[in-house]
Amino acid sequence: MISQGLIRTLMTGLLLTTLLISGRSVAHCQIPCGIYDDYARVKSMMEDALTVEKSIRMMAELAGKTDAQSQNQMVRWVMNKEKHSQNIIAQISDYFLTQRVKPDQKDYEERLKKHHAVIVAAMKAKQNAGMEYAKALNNSIKVLKSYYPEQKH
């Protein structure tokens, strides 16, 4: 017979494991800690976009193959595309739109539209398997580079 304490310990362990592996938090703190590297975040999104592009390329290579290994790899590439597209959406919404795009900026509306365009491009890249969606995502992120230049410390 399993004790209640053991059950609680196992459930707590399961909960913590689930929280740890369920996905990384890409947002930096939402308090004014002052430790930011916007350029690194844009660079990270560019890497995610390149991963989306590679995923789409690999999916195209596997299209039409029906053997079990090819089907397995197709699922993995689709999941990879989804994950990296979602990383970009989270980075824009959880970090840039909450901490970097401010209503008091002179070009607020323009910035808001450009950041929103990245979210929409990432959403479309998740929903579609065409290379044009990966290219559009990549281009939408490049537009943001002018707002977040590399800082030499």
Protein backbone atom coordinates (compact mmCIF):
# COMPACT_ATOMS: atom_id res chain seq x y z
CA MET A 1 0.00 0.00 0.00
CA ILE A 2 1.31 3.45 -0.92
CA SER A 3 1.21 6.11 1.77
CA GLN A 4 -0.42 9.49 1.29
CA GLY A 5 2.96 11.18 1.86
CA LEU A 6 4.56 9.17 -0.92
CA ILE A 7 1.69 10.00 -3.27
CA ARG A 8 2.05 13.72 -2.44
CA THR A 9 5.81 13.55 -3.01
CA LEU A 10 5.36 11.79 -6.35
CA MET A 11 2.68 14.27 -7.47
CA THR A 12 4.85 17.22 -6.46
CA GLY A 13 7.77 15.74 -8.37
CA LEU A 14 5.57 15.17 -11.40
CA LEU A 15 4.27 18.73 -11.26
CA LEU A 16 7.77 20.20 -11.00
CA THR A 17 9.03 18.00 -13.84
CA THR A 18 6.10 19.04 -16.00
CA LEU A 19 6.75 22.71 -15.30
CA LEU A 20 10.43 22.34 -16.10
CA ILE A 21 9.99 20.52 -19.40
CA SER A 22 6.78 22.17 -20.59
CA GLY A 23 8.68 25.00 -22.23
CA ARG A 24 11.16 27.65 -21.51
CA SER A 25 10.18 31.09 -20.46
CA VAL A 26 11.60 33.46 -23.04
CA ALA A 27 10.59 36.65 -21.33
CA HIS A 28 12.96 38.53 -19.14
CA CYS A 29 11.69 39.82 -15.83
CA GLN A 30 8.65 42.04 -15.90
CA ILE A 31 10.03 44.23 -13.17
CA PRO A 32 12.47 47.06 -13.84
CA CYS A 33 15.67 45.13 -13.17
CA GLY A 34 17.58 46.98 -15.90
CA ILE A 35 19.33 43.89 -17.28
CA TYR A 36 18.36 43.80 -20.94
CA ASP A 37 20.03 42.79 -24.17
CA ASP A 38 17.52 43.60 -26.87
CA TYR A 39 19.99 42.83 -29.65
CA ALA A 40 20.51 39.31 -28.27
CA ARG A 41 16.75 38.78 -28.25
CA VAL A 42 16.45 39.86 -31.89
CA LYS A 43 19.37 37.60 -32.77
CA SER A 44 17.65 34.73 -30.95
CA MET A 45 14.47 35.35 -32.95
CA MET A 46 16.53 35.31 -36.16
CA GLU A 47 17.89 31.89 -35.15
CA ASP A 48 14.36 30.69 -34.47
CA ALA A 49 13.28 31.96 -37.90
CA LEU A 50 16.17 30.11 -39.57
CA THR A 51 15.11 26.98 -37.72
CA VAL A 52 11.55 27.44 -39.03
CA GLU A 53 13.00 27.78 -42.53
CA LYS A 54 15.09 24.61 -42.18
CA SER A 55 12.09 22.75 -40.77
CA ILE A 56 10.02 23.69 -43.81
CA ARG A 57 12.85 22.66 -46.14
CA MET A 58 13.16 19.28 -44.41
CA MET A 59 9.39 18.78 -44.47
CA ALA A 60 9.41 19.34 -48.24
CA GLU A 61 12.12 16.68 -48.61
CA LEU A 62 10.06 14.19 -46.60
CA ALA A 63 6.75 14.95 -48.32
CA GLY A 64 5.31 11.91 -50.04
CA LYS A 65 7.46 9.40 -48.19
CA THR A 66 5.37 6.84 -46.36
CA ASP A 67 7.89 4.71 -44.51
CA ALA A 68 7.73 4.86 -40.73
CA GLN A 69 11.07 6.63 -40.27
CA SER A 70 10.15 9.37 -42.75
CA GLN A 71 6.78 9.84 -41.09
CA ASN A 72 8.47 10.05 -37.70
CA GLN A 73 10.91 12.66 -38.98
CA MET A 74 8.09 14.64 -40.59
CA VAL A 75 6.28 14.86 -37.26
CA ARG A 76 9.48 15.97 -35.56
CA TRP A 77 10.11 18.71 -38.13
CA VAL A 78 6.51 19.94 -37.86
CA MET A 79 6.81 20.09 -34.08
CA ASN A 80 10.13 21.89 -34.41
CA LYS A 81 8.58 24.48 -36.74
CA GLU A 82 5.72 24.99 -34.29
CA LYS A 83 8.04 25.40 -31.30
CA HIS A 84 10.35 27.94 -32.89
CA SER A 85 7.47 29.94 -34.33
CA GLN A 86 5.91 30.03 -30.88
CA ASN A 87 9.24 31.12 -29.35
CA ILE A 88 9.15 34.18 -31.60
CA ILE A 89 5.53 34.98 -30.73
CA ALA A 90 6.35 34.73 -27.02
CA GLN A 91 9.47 36.87 -27.34
CA ILE A 92 7.54 39.65 -29.07
CA SER A 93 4.48 39.56 -26.82
CA ASP A 94 6.11 38.75 -23.48
CA TYR A 95 9.17 40.94 -23.82
CA PHE A 96 9.11 43.54 -26.58
CA LEU A 97 5.45 44.55 -26.41
CA THR A 98 5.43 44.66 -22.63
CA GLN A 99 8.80 46.33 -22.05
CA ARG A 100 10.12 47.97 -25.19
CA VAL A 101 7.22 49.34 -27.21
CA LYS A 102 5.85 52.25 -25.20
CA PRO A 103 2.88 54.55 -25.91
CA ASP A 104 5.04 57.61 -25.24
CA GLN A 105 7.43 56.82 -28.11
CA LYS A 106 7.07 59.21 -31.03
CA ASP A 107 6.80 56.33 -33.48
CA TYR A 108 4.72 54.11 -31.20
CA GLU A 109 2.11 53.21 -33.80
CA GLU A 110 4.77 52.28 -36.37
CA ARG A 111 6.68 50.16 -33.84
CA LEU A 112 3.50 48.46 -32.72
CA LYS A 113 2.62 47.56 -36.32
CA LYS A 114 6.10 46.19 -37.02
CA HIS A 115 6.15 44.06 -33.88
CA HIS A 116 2.63 42.84 -34.60
CA ALA A 117 3.74 41.91 -38.13
CA VAL A 118 6.30 39.53 -36.59
CA ILE A 119 3.60 37.82 -34.53
CA VAL A 120 1.36 37.44 -37.58
CA ALA A 121 4.25 36.12 -39.71
CA ALA A 122 5.15 33.59 -37.01
CA MET A 123 1.53 32.49 -36.75
CA LYS A 124 1.35 31.99 -40.52
CA ALA A 125 4.64 30.06 -40.48
CA LYS A 126 3.10 27.76 -37.87
CA GLN A 127 -0.01 27.22 -39.98
CA ASN A 128 1.67 26.68 -43.34
CA ALA A 129 4.47 24.66 -44.91
CA GLY A 130 5.44 27.03 -47.70
CA MET A 131 8.91 28.56 -47.77
CA GLU A 132 7.38 31.97 -48.47
CA TYR A 133 6.05 32.00 -44.91
CA ALA A 134 9.49 31.34 -43.46
CA LYS A 135 10.95 34.11 -45.64
CA ALA A 136 8.22 36.54 -44.57
CA LEU A 137 8.93 35.71 -40.93
CA ASN A 138 12.64 36.26 -41.38
CA ASN A 139 12.05 39.59 -43.14
CA SER A 140 9.61 40.81 -40.49
CA ILE A 141 12.22 40.22 -37.78
CA LYS A 142 14.94 41.97 -39.80
CA VAL A 143 12.79 45.10 -39.82
CA LEU A 144 13.10 45.26 -36.02
CA LYS A 145 16.92 45.26 -36.06
CA SER A 146 17.07 49.03 -36.48
CA TYR A 147 15.26 49.47 -33.17
CA TYR A 148 17.61 47.20 -31.24
CA PRO A 149 21.24 47.68 -32.36
CA GLU A 150 24.07 45.78 -30.78
CA GLN A 151 25.38 47.54 -27.70
CA LYS A 152 29.11 47.45 -27.07
CA HIS A 153 29.66 47.18 -23.31
